[in-house]
Amino acid sequence: MSILHVVRLPCHQHQVHYHHQADFIIDEHTLFEIGGAGKTKKQIKSLDASYLALDNIEVGHHHTIPLWMFGLLY
């Protein structure tokens, strides 16, 4: 699943924009960074309401969401 695909999923009801510190921001509040299973929160740790959407993981925890779960929104 590409970043563009994930960004387009919630667009019908929310404003989605690219962000300079994360991959994108929804409704000027919630930030998402997309990466592989080894990606850390280092890039977005100082940002409130930020989440990692990671590929190749089955279960999320804290602010980590499996990338495949975005497919359930489609």
PDB file of N, CA and C in Angstrom:
ATOM      1  N   MET A   1       0.850  -1.164   0.000  1.00  0.00           N
ATOM      2  CA  MET A   1       0.000   0.000   0.000  1.00  0.00           C
ATOM      3  C   MET A   1       0.903   1.237   0.000  1.00  0.00           C
ATOM      4  N   SER A   2       0.675   2.133  -0.910  1.00  0.00           N
ATOM      5  CA  SER A   2       1.508   3.326  -1.008  1.00  0.00           C
ATOM      6  C   SER A   2       1.040   4.409  -0.046  1.00  0.00           C
ATOM      7  N   ILE A   3       1.909   5.372   0.212  1.00  0.00           N
ATOM      8  CA  ILE A   3       1.547   6.509   1.061  1.00  0.00           C
ATOM      9  C   ILE A   3       0.361   7.240   0.459  1.00  0.00           C
ATOM     10  N   LEU A   4       0.362   7.416  -0.833  1.00  0.00           N
ATOM     11  CA  LEU A   4      -0.733   8.122  -1.501  1.00  0.00           C
ATOM     12  C   LEU A   4      -2.065   7.414  -1.257  1.00  0.00           C
ATOM     13  N   HIS A   5      -2.065   6.084  -1.301  1.00  0.00           N
ATOM     14  CA  HIS A   5      -3.288   5.324  -1.063  1.00  0.00           C
ATOM     15  C   HIS A   5      -3.796   5.547   0.361  1.00  0.00           C
ATOM     16  N   VAL A   6      -2.902   5.508   1.338  1.00  0.00           N
ATOM     17  CA  VAL A   6      -3.294   5.706   2.732  1.00  0.00           C
ATOM     18  C   VAL A   6      -3.843   7.107   2.934  1.00  0.00           C
ATOM     19  N   VAL A   7      -3.222   8.098   2.302  1.00  0.00           N
ATOM     20  CA  VAL A   7      -3.651   9.486   2.442  1.00  0.00           C
ATOM     21  C   VAL A   7      -5.039   9.687   1.848  1.00  0.00           C
ATOM     22  N   ARG A   8      -5.344   9.028   0.763  1.00  0.00           N
ATOM     23  CA  ARG A   8      -6.638   9.214   0.096  1.00  0.00           C
ATOM     24  C   ARG A   8      -7.805   8.584   0.845  1.00  0.00           C
ATOM     25  N   LEU A   9      -7.546   7.604   1.693  1.00  0.00           N
ATOM     26  CA  LEU A   9      -8.637   6.885   2.356  1.00  0.00           C
ATOM     27  C   LEU A   9      -9.570   7.789   3.144  1.00  0.00           C
ATOM     28  N   PRO A  10      -9.073   8.657   4.023  1.00  0.00           N
ATOM     29  CA  PRO A  10     -10.002   9.460   4.824  1.00  0.00           C
ATOM     30  C   PRO A  10     -10.383  10.802   4.200  1.00  0.00           C
ATOM     31  N   CYS A  11      -9.985  11.069   2.978  1.00  0.00           N
ATOM     32  CA  CYS A  11     -10.161  12.393   2.372  1.00  0.00           C
ATOM     33  C   CYS A  11     -11.603  12.832   2.209  1.00  0.00           C
ATOM     34  N   HIS A  12     -12.534  11.936   2.125  1.00  0.00           N
ATOM     35  CA  HIS A  12     -13.914  12.334   1.866  1.00  0.00           C
ATOM     36  C   HIS A  12     -14.512  13.138   3.017  1.00  0.00           C
ATOM     37  N   GLN A  13     -14.103  12.841   4.231  1.00  0.00           N
ATOM     38  CA  GLN A  13     -14.693  13.499   5.388  1.00  0.00           C
ATOM     39  C   GLN A  13     -13.707  14.376   6.161  1.00  0.00           C
ATOM     40  N   HIS A  14     -12.434  14.341   5.777  1.00  0.00           N
ATOM     41  CA  HIS A  14     -11.403  15.061   6.527  1.00  0.00           C
ATOM     42  C   HIS A  14     -10.438  15.763   5.586  1.00  0.00           C
ATOM     43  N   GLN A  15      -9.763  16.772   6.109  1.00  0.00           N
ATOM     44  CA  GLN A  15      -8.741  17.475   5.343  1.00  0.00           C
ATOM     45  C   GLN A  15      -7.405  16.772   5.569  1.00  0.00           C
ATOM     46  N   VAL A  16      -6.746  16.382   4.492  1.00  0.00           N
ATOM     47  CA  VAL A  16      -5.465  15.693   4.578  1.00  0.00           C
ATOM     48  C   VAL A  16      -4.426  16.498   3.807  1.00  0.00           C
ATOM     49  N   HIS A  17      -3.272  16.732   4.474  1.00  0.00           N
ATOM     50  CA  HIS A  17      -2.192  17.495   3.855  1.00  0.00           C
ATOM     51  C   HIS A  17      -0.867  16.826   4.169  1.00  0.00           C
ATOM     52  N   TYR A  18       0.117  17.062   3.300  1.00  0.00           N
ATOM     53  CA  TYR A  18       1.471  16.617   3.611  1.00  0.00           C
ATOM     54  C   TYR A  18       2.005  17.490   4.724  1.00  0.00           C
ATOM     55  N   HIS A  19       2.934  16.950   5.509  1.00  0.00           N
ATOM     56  CA  HIS A  19       3.491  17.674   6.646  1.00  0.00           C
ATOM     57  C   HIS A  19       5.010  17.656   6.560  1.00  0.00           C
ATOM     58  N   HIS A  20       5.671  18.709   7.026  1.00  0.00           N
ATOM     59  CA  HIS A  20       7.123  18.797   6.905  1.00  0.00           C
ATOM     60  C   HIS A  20       7.878  17.892   7.881  1.00  0.00           C
ATOM     61  N   GLN A  21       7.254  17.431   8.969  1.00  0.00           N
ATOM     62  CA  GLN A  21       7.928  16.552   9.916  1.00  0.00           C
ATOM     63  C   GLN A  21       7.408  15.119   9.883  1.00  0.00           C
ATOM     64  N   ALA A  22       6.232  14.918   9.362  1.00  0.00           N
ATOM     65  CA  ALA A  22       5.648  13.584   9.243  1.00  0.00           C
ATOM     66  C   ALA A  22       5.204  13.412   7.791  1.00  0.00           C
ATOM     67  N   ASP A  23       4.661  12.252   7.463  1.00  0.00           N
ATOM     68  CA  ASP A  23       4.218  12.039   6.086  1.00  0.00           C
ATOM     69  C   ASP A  23       2.956  12.835   5.770  1.00  0.00           C
ATOM     70  N   PHE A  24       2.004  12.870   6.698  1.00  0.00           N
ATOM     71  CA  PHE A  24       0.818  13.691   6.463  1.00  0.00           C
ATOM     72  C   PHE A  24       0.102  14.019   7.764  1.00  0.00           C
ATOM     73  N   ILE A  25      -0.787  15.004   7.682  1.00  0.00           N
ATOM     74  CA  ILE A  25      -1.556  15.469   8.830  1.00  0.00           C
ATOM     75  C   ILE A  25      -3.030  15.505   8.436  1.00  0.00           C
ATOM     76  N   ILE A  26      -3.889  15.060   9.347  1.00  0.00           N
ATOM     77  CA  ILE A  26      -5.330  15.037   9.100  1.00  0.00           C
ATOM     78  C   ILE A  26      -5.995  16.082   9.994  1.00  0.00           C
ATOM     79  N   ASP A  27      -6.830  16.910   9.388  1.00  0.00           N
ATOM     80  CA  ASP A  27      -7.582  17.950  10.100  1.00  0.00           C
ATOM     81  C   ASP A  27      -6.691  18.854  10.960  1.00  0.00           C
ATOM     82  N   GLU A  28      -5.487  19.136  10.471  1.00  0.00           N
ATOM     83  CA  GLU A  28      -4.551  20.021  11.170  1.00  0.00           C
ATOM     84  C   GLU A  28      -4.257  19.575  12.596  1.00  0.00           C
ATOM     85  N   HIS A  29      -4.452  18.278  12.882  1.00  0.00           N
ATOM     86  CA  HIS A  29      -4.268  17.809  14.253  1.00  0.00           C
ATOM     87  C   HIS A  29      -3.507  16.490  14.356  1.00  0.00           C
ATOM     88  N   THR A  30      -3.907  15.480  13.622  1.00  0.00           N
ATOM     89  CA  THR A  30      -3.353  14.142  13.784  1.00  0.00           C
ATOM     90  C   THR A  30      -2.308  13.861  12.711  1.00  0.00           C
ATOM     91  N   LEU A  31      -1.090  13.517  13.161  1.00  0.00           N
ATOM     92  CA  LEU A  31       0.034  13.272  12.255  1.00  0.00           C
ATOM     93  C   LEU A  31       0.284  11.784  12.089  1.00  0.00           C
ATOM     94  N   PHE A  32       0.667  11.385  10.877  1.00  0.00           N
ATOM     95  CA  PHE A  32       1.008  10.001  10.588  1.00  0.00           C
ATOM     96  C   PHE A  32       2.353   9.941   9.875  1.00  0.00           C
ATOM     97  N   GLU A  33       3.162   9.008  10.300  1.00  0.00           N
ATOM     98  CA  GLU A  33       4.428   8.689   9.645  1.00  0.00           C
ATOM     99  C   GLU A  33       4.326   7.232   9.227  1.00  0.00           C
ATOM    100  N   ILE A  34       4.637   6.941   7.976  1.00  0.00           N
ATOM    101  CA  ILE A  34       4.513   5.589   7.438  1.00  0.00           C
ATOM    102  C   ILE A  34       5.893   5.009   7.209  1.00  0.00           C
ATOM    103  N   GLY A  35       6.063   3.719   7.573  1.00  0.00           N
ATOM    104  CA  GLY A  35       7.360   3.081   7.379  1.00  0.00           C
ATOM    105  C   GLY A  35       7.284   1.586   7.545  1.00  0.00           C
ATOM    106  N   GLY A  36       8.440   0.970   7.500  1.00  0.00           N
ATOM    107  CA  GLY A  36       8.552  -0.471   7.679  1.00  0.00           C
ATOM    108  C   GLY A  36       8.557  -0.827   9.160  1.00  0.00           C
ATOM    109  N   ALA A  37       8.631  -2.105   9.437  1.00  0.00           N
ATOM    110  CA  ALA A  37       8.543  -2.591  10.815  1.00  0.00           C
ATOM    111  C   ALA A  37       9.649  -2.022  11.706  1.00  0.00           C
ATOM    112  N   GLY A  38      10.779  -1.650  11.131  1.00  0.00           N
ATOM    113  CA  GLY A  38      11.899  -1.132  11.913  1.00  0.00           C
ATOM    114  C   GLY A  38      11.858   0.369  12.150  1.00  0.00           C
ATOM    115  N   LYS A  39      10.880   1.046  11.605  1.00  0.00           N
ATOM    116  CA  LYS A  39      10.769   2.509  11.756  1.00  0.00           C
ATOM    117  C   LYS A  39      10.493   2.843  13.219  1.00  0.00           C
ATOM    118  N   THR A  40      11.172   3.871  13.721  1.00  0.00           N
ATOM    119  CA  THR A  40      10.958   4.289  15.109  1.00  0.00           C
ATOM    120  C   THR A  40      10.198   5.611  15.144  1.00  0.00           C
ATOM    121  N   LYS A  41       9.784   5.989  16.336  1.00  0.00           N
ATOM    122  CA  LYS A  41       9.034   7.237  16.511  1.00  0.00           C
ATOM    123  C   LYS A  41       9.973   8.443  16.636  1.00  0.00           C
ATOM    124  N   LYS A  42      11.261   8.226  16.450  1.00  0.00           N
ATOM    125  CA  LYS A  42      12.264   9.277  16.610  1.00  0.00           C
ATOM    126  C   LYS A  42      11.902  10.547  15.834  1.00  0.00           C
ATOM    127  N   GLN A  43      11.462  10.396  14.616  1.00  0.00           N
ATOM    128  CA  GLN A  43      11.154  11.536  13.742  1.00  0.00           C
ATOM    129  C   GLN A  43       9.968  12.359  14.242  1.00  0.00           C
ATOM    130  N   ILE A  44       9.026  11.729  14.940  1.00  0.00           N
ATOM    131  CA  ILE A  44       7.798  12.426  15.350  1.00  0.00           C
ATOM    132  C   ILE A  44       7.589  12.424  16.861  1.00  0.00           C
ATOM    133  N   LYS A  45       8.596  12.023  17.636  1.00  0.00           N
ATOM    134  CA  LYS A  45       8.407  11.877  19.084  1.00  0.00           C
ATOM    135  C   LYS A  45       8.045  13.179  19.785  1.00  0.00           C
ATOM    136  N   SER A  46       8.460  14.310  19.255  1.00  0.00           N
ATOM    137  CA  SER A  46       8.161  15.588  19.912  1.00  0.00           C
ATOM    138  C   SER A  46       6.817  16.176  19.468  1.00  0.00           C
ATOM    139  N   LEU A  47       6.118  15.488  18.587  1.00  0.00           N
ATOM    140  CA  LEU A  47       4.847  15.990  18.058  1.00  0.00           C
ATOM    141  C   LEU A  47       3.659  15.337  18.764  1.00  0.00           C
ATOM    142  N   ASP A  48       2.726  16.167  19.211  1.00  0.00           N
ATOM    143  CA  ASP A  48       1.515  15.636  19.837  1.00  0.00           C
ATOM    144  C   ASP A  48       0.631  14.986  18.781  1.00  0.00           C
ATOM    145  N   ALA A  49      -0.202  14.056  19.202  1.00  0.00           N
ATOM    146  CA  ALA A  49      -1.164  13.378  18.319  1.00  0.00           C
ATOM    147  C   ALA A  49      -0.488  12.825  17.071  1.00  0.00           C
ATOM    148  N   SER A  50       0.627  12.113  17.272  1.00  0.00           N
ATOM    149  CA  SER A  50       1.348  11.531  16.141  1.00  0.00           C
ATOM    150  C   SER A  50       1.352  10.005  16.257  1.00  0.00           C
ATOM    151  N   TYR A  51       1.278   9.363  15.095  1.00  0.00           N
ATOM    152  CA  TYR A  51       1.188   7.903  15.032  1.00  0.00           C
ATOM    153  C   TYR A  51       2.096   7.365  13.948  1.00  0.00           C
ATOM    154  N   LEU A  52       2.580   6.140  14.156  1.00  0.00           N
ATOM    155  CA  LEU A  52       3.313   5.411  13.137  1.00  0.00           C
ATOM    156  C   LEU A  52       2.374   4.409  12.489  1.00  0.00           C
ATOM    157  N   ALA A  53       2.352   4.364  11.184  1.00  0.00           N
ATOM    158  CA  ALA A  53       1.626   3.330  10.438  1.00  0.00           C
ATOM    159  C   ALA A  53       2.704   2.446   9.818  1.00  0.00           C
ATOM    160  N   LEU A  54       2.847   1.237  10.341  1.00  0.00           N
ATOM    161  CA  LEU A  54       3.975   0.388   9.968  1.00  0.00           C
ATOM    162  C   LEU A  54       3.560  -0.835   9.164  1.00  0.00           C
ATOM    163  N   ASP A  55       4.371  -1.130   8.169  1.00  0.00           N
ATOM    164  CA  ASP A  55       4.190  -2.315   7.342  1.00  0.00           C
ATOM    165  C   ASP A  55       4.867  -3.496   8.035  1.00  0.00           C
ATOM    166  N   ASN A  56       4.430  -4.685   7.737  1.00  0.00           N
ATOM    167  CA  ASN A  56       5.020  -5.932   8.234  1.00  0.00           C
ATOM    168  C   ASN A  56       4.917  -6.105   9.744  1.00  0.00           C
ATOM    169  N   ILE A  57       3.865  -5.554  10.348  1.00  0.00           N
ATOM    170  CA  ILE A  57       3.543  -5.879  11.741  1.00  0.00           C
ATOM    171  C   ILE A  57       2.088  -6.330  11.778  1.00  0.00           C
ATOM    172  N   GLU A  58       1.779  -7.205  12.692  1.00  0.00           N
ATOM    173  CA  GLU A  58       0.415  -7.740  12.792  1.00  0.00           C
ATOM    174  C   GLU A  58      -0.445  -6.972  13.777  1.00  0.00           C
ATOM    175  N   VAL A  59       0.157  -6.531  14.877  1.00  0.00           N
ATOM    176  CA  VAL A  59      -0.587  -5.906  15.963  1.00  0.00           C
ATOM    177  C   VAL A  59       0.075  -4.582  16.326  1.00  0.00           C
ATOM    178  N   GLY A  60      -0.732  -3.559  16.566  1.00  0.00           N
ATOM    179  CA  GLY A  60      -0.203  -2.274  16.989  1.00  0.00           C
ATOM    180  C   GLY A  60      -0.209  -2.150  18.500  1.00  0.00           C
ATOM    181  N   HIS A  61       0.471  -1.123  18.985  1.00  0.00           N
ATOM    182  CA  HIS A  61       0.480  -0.808  20.406  1.00  0.00           C
ATOM    183  C   HIS A  61       0.840   0.667  20.574  1.00  0.00           C
ATOM    184  N   HIS A  62       0.349   1.260  21.635  1.00  0.00           N
ATOM    185  CA  HIS A  62       0.546   2.691  21.897  1.00  0.00           C
ATOM    186  C   HIS A  62       0.173   3.501  20.659  1.00  0.00           C
ATOM    187  N   HIS A  63       1.106   4.184  20.059  1.00  0.00           N
ATOM    188  CA  HIS A  63       0.829   5.028  18.892  1.00  0.00           C
ATOM    189  C   HIS A  63       1.341   4.382  17.608  1.00  0.00           C
ATOM    190  N   THR A  64       1.308   3.068  17.552  1.00  0.00           N
ATOM    191  CA  THR A  64       1.742   2.318  16.377  1.00  0.00           C
ATOM    192  C   THR A  64       0.548   1.537  15.826  1.00  0.00           C
ATOM    193  N   ILE A  65       0.293   1.697  14.534  1.00  0.00           N
ATOM    194  CA  ILE A  65      -0.845   1.064  13.873  1.00  0.00           C
ATOM    195  C   ILE A  65      -0.330   0.225  12.711  1.00  0.00           C
ATOM    196  N   PRO A  66      -0.767  -1.028  12.585  1.00  0.00           N
ATOM    197  CA  PRO A  66      -0.371  -1.812  11.416  1.00  0.00           C
ATOM    198  C   PRO A  66      -0.915  -1.150  10.142  1.00  0.00           C
ATOM    199  N   LEU A  67      -0.081  -1.058   9.132  1.00  0.00           N
ATOM    200  CA  LEU A  67      -0.471  -0.408   7.886  1.00  0.00           C
ATOM    201  C   LEU A  67      -1.671  -1.101   7.240  1.00  0.00           C
ATOM    202  N   TRP A  68      -1.777  -2.414   7.400  1.00  0.00           N
ATOM    203  CA  TRP A  68      -2.885  -3.151   6.771  1.00  0.00           C
ATOM    204  C   TRP A  68      -4.247  -2.700   7.305  1.00  0.00           C
ATOM    205  N   MET A  69      -4.288  -2.147   8.518  1.00  0.00           N
ATOM    206  CA  MET A  69      -5.572  -1.717   9.084  1.00  0.00           C
ATOM    207  C   MET A  69      -6.176  -0.536   8.319  1.00  0.00           C
ATOM    208  N   PHE A  70      -5.342   0.239   7.640  1.00  0.00           N
ATOM    209  CA  PHE A  70      -5.875   1.337   6.828  1.00  0.00           C
ATOM    210  C   PHE A  70      -6.696   0.794   5.664  1.00  0.00           C
ATOM    211  N   GLY A  71      -6.395  -0.409   5.232  1.00  0.00           N
ATOM    212  CA  GLY A  71      -7.158  -1.046   4.171  1.00  0.00           C
ATOM    213  C   GLY A  71      -8.601  -1.334   4.575  1.00  0.00           C
ATOM    214  N   LEU A  72      -8.847  -1.450   5.877  1.00  0.00           N
ATOM    215  CA  LEU A  72     -10.207  -1.688   6.361  1.00  0.00           C
ATOM    216  C   LEU A  72     -11.081  -0.455   6.203  1.00  0.00           C
ATOM    217  N   LEU A  73     -10.486   0.697   6.013  1.00  0.00           N
ATOM    218  CA  LEU A  73     -11.232   1.943   5.825  1.00  0.00           C
ATOM    219  C   LEU A  73     -11.708   2.120   4.398  1.00  0.00           C
ATOM    220  N   TYR A  74     -11.144   1.348   3.486  1.00  0.00           N
ATOM    221  CA  TYR A  74     -11.432   1.524   2.056  1.00  0.00           C
ATOM    222  C   TYR A  74     -12.808   1.086   1.698  1.00  0.00           C
TER     223      TYR A  74
END
